[in-house]
Amino acid sequence: MLDVATRAAGGLARSLVVAAFGAAGTVIGGMLGLLWGFVNQDGLVQGVVVGAVTGALVSVELADSLLRIWTCGDCSMDARIKRTVRFASRQVGDSIVIDQD
């Protein structure tokens, strides 16, 4: 019974973190989309909608990936850090170098 409650609490916590990232991504993406629509004269509403949707999708994907890395039960702290840096280097490009042992 306690195991079920623990899993439910973990699932709820994970959902809340992903939702918070999604909300933040929507707001930030909407603001950047507004600026993009204003500068390119494509329309402010179109820029806001495209920016908000893109920001939400990217931030939810980021939150989910980071939660998968950090909640891995069979990984050491060193492995988690290396996986996080590897994930970040894929997102930003190859500007981050990882020392391969």
Protein backbone atom coordinates (compact mmCIF):
# COMPACT_ATOMS: atom_id res chain seq x y z
CA MET A 1 0.00 0.00 0.00
CA LEU A 2 2.84 2.37 0.85
CA ASP A 3 4.53 1.56 -2.45
CA VAL A 4 1.43 2.65 -4.38
CA ALA A 5 1.25 5.92 -2.42
CA THR A 6 4.94 6.58 -3.03
CA ARG A 7 4.57 6.00 -6.78
CA ALA A 8 1.50 8.24 -6.92
CA ALA A 9 3.33 11.03 -5.06
CA GLY A 10 6.34 10.67 -7.38
CA GLY A 11 4.10 10.81 -10.45
CA LEU A 12 2.33 13.88 -9.11
CA ALA A 13 5.62 15.63 -8.36
CA ARG A 14 6.94 14.80 -11.84
CA SER A 15 3.74 16.14 -13.42
CA LEU A 16 3.93 19.36 -11.44
CA VAL A 17 7.56 19.96 -12.46
CA VAL A 18 6.77 19.34 -16.13
CA ALA A 19 3.69 21.59 -15.92
CA ALA A 20 5.74 24.39 -14.34
CA PHE A 21 8.35 24.09 -17.10
CA GLY A 22 5.57 24.09 -19.70
CA ALA A 23 3.94 27.20 -18.26
CA ALA A 24 7.25 29.04 -18.10
CA GLY A 25 8.09 28.00 -21.66
CA THR A 26 4.70 29.19 -22.88
CA VAL A 27 5.15 32.63 -21.33
CA ILE A 28 8.75 33.08 -22.46
CA GLY A 29 7.98 31.72 -25.94
CA GLY A 30 4.96 33.99 -26.21
CA MET A 31 7.02 37.06 -25.34
CA LEU A 32 9.76 36.13 -27.80
CA GLY A 33 7.14 35.37 -30.44
CA LEU A 34 5.59 38.78 -29.87
CA LEU A 35 8.95 40.44 -30.49
CA TRP A 36 9.56 38.24 -33.55
CA GLY A 37 6.15 39.11 -34.99
CA PHE A 38 6.72 42.80 -34.35
CA VAL A 39 10.18 42.88 -35.94
CA ASN A 40 9.28 40.78 -38.99
CA GLN A 41 5.85 42.41 -39.43
CA ASP A 42 4.25 38.98 -39.79
CA GLY A 43 1.61 39.72 -37.20
CA LEU A 44 1.79 39.91 -33.47
CA VAL A 45 -0.86 37.26 -32.81
CA GLN A 46 0.80 34.76 -35.12
CA GLY A 47 4.16 35.38 -33.46
CA VAL A 48 2.71 34.96 -29.98
CA VAL A 49 0.93 31.70 -30.87
CA VAL A 50 3.92 30.16 -32.63
CA GLY A 51 6.30 31.27 -29.88
CA ALA A 52 4.06 30.03 -27.07
CA VAL A 53 3.53 26.61 -28.61
CA THR A 54 7.20 26.19 -29.48
CA GLY A 55 8.32 27.37 -26.04
CA ALA A 56 5.94 25.00 -24.29
CA LEU A 57 7.00 21.99 -26.36
CA VAL A 58 10.71 22.65 -25.93
CA SER A 59 10.51 23.29 -22.20
CA VAL A 60 8.33 20.23 -21.51
CA GLU A 61 10.73 18.05 -23.50
CA LEU A 62 13.66 19.54 -21.56
CA ALA A 63 11.97 18.94 -18.20
CA ASP A 64 11.06 15.37 -19.09
CA SER A 65 14.58 14.55 -20.29
CA LEU A 66 16.22 16.04 -17.21
CA LEU A 67 13.80 14.25 -14.88
CA ARG A 68 14.58 10.94 -16.60
CA ILE A 69 18.29 11.54 -16.14
CA TRP A 70 18.10 12.59 -12.50
CA THR A 71 15.59 9.97 -11.32
CA CYS A 72 17.57 7.08 -12.74
CA GLY A 73 17.90 4.64 -9.86
CA ASP A 74 20.86 2.65 -11.14
CA CYS A 75 23.19 5.57 -11.90
CA SER A 76 25.89 7.10 -9.77
CA MET A 77 26.10 10.87 -9.32
CA ASP A 78 29.06 10.98 -11.71
CA ALA A 79 27.05 9.19 -14.40
CA ARG A 80 24.08 11.52 -13.91
CA ILE A 81 26.26 14.61 -14.32
CA LYS A 82 27.89 13.19 -17.46
CA ARG A 83 24.46 12.33 -18.93
CA THR A 84 23.22 15.85 -18.17
CA VAL A 85 26.24 17.45 -19.84
CA ARG A 86 25.87 15.11 -22.82
CA PHE A 87 22.19 16.09 -23.12
CA ALA A 88 23.04 19.79 -22.86
CA SER A 89 25.77 19.48 -25.50
CA ARG A 90 23.28 17.91 -27.92
CA GLN A 91 20.86 20.77 -27.31
CA VAL A 92 23.40 23.59 -27.69
CA GLY A 93 25.71 21.98 -30.20
CA ASP A 94 29.16 20.51 -29.87
CA SER A 95 30.65 23.41 -27.93
CA ILE A 96 30.82 21.43 -24.67
CA VAL A 97 33.60 18.86 -24.49
CA ILE A 98 33.22 15.84 -22.21
CA ASP A 99 36.31 14.11 -20.90
CA GLN A 100 35.87 10.47 -21.92
CA ASP A 101 37.58 8.06 -19.53
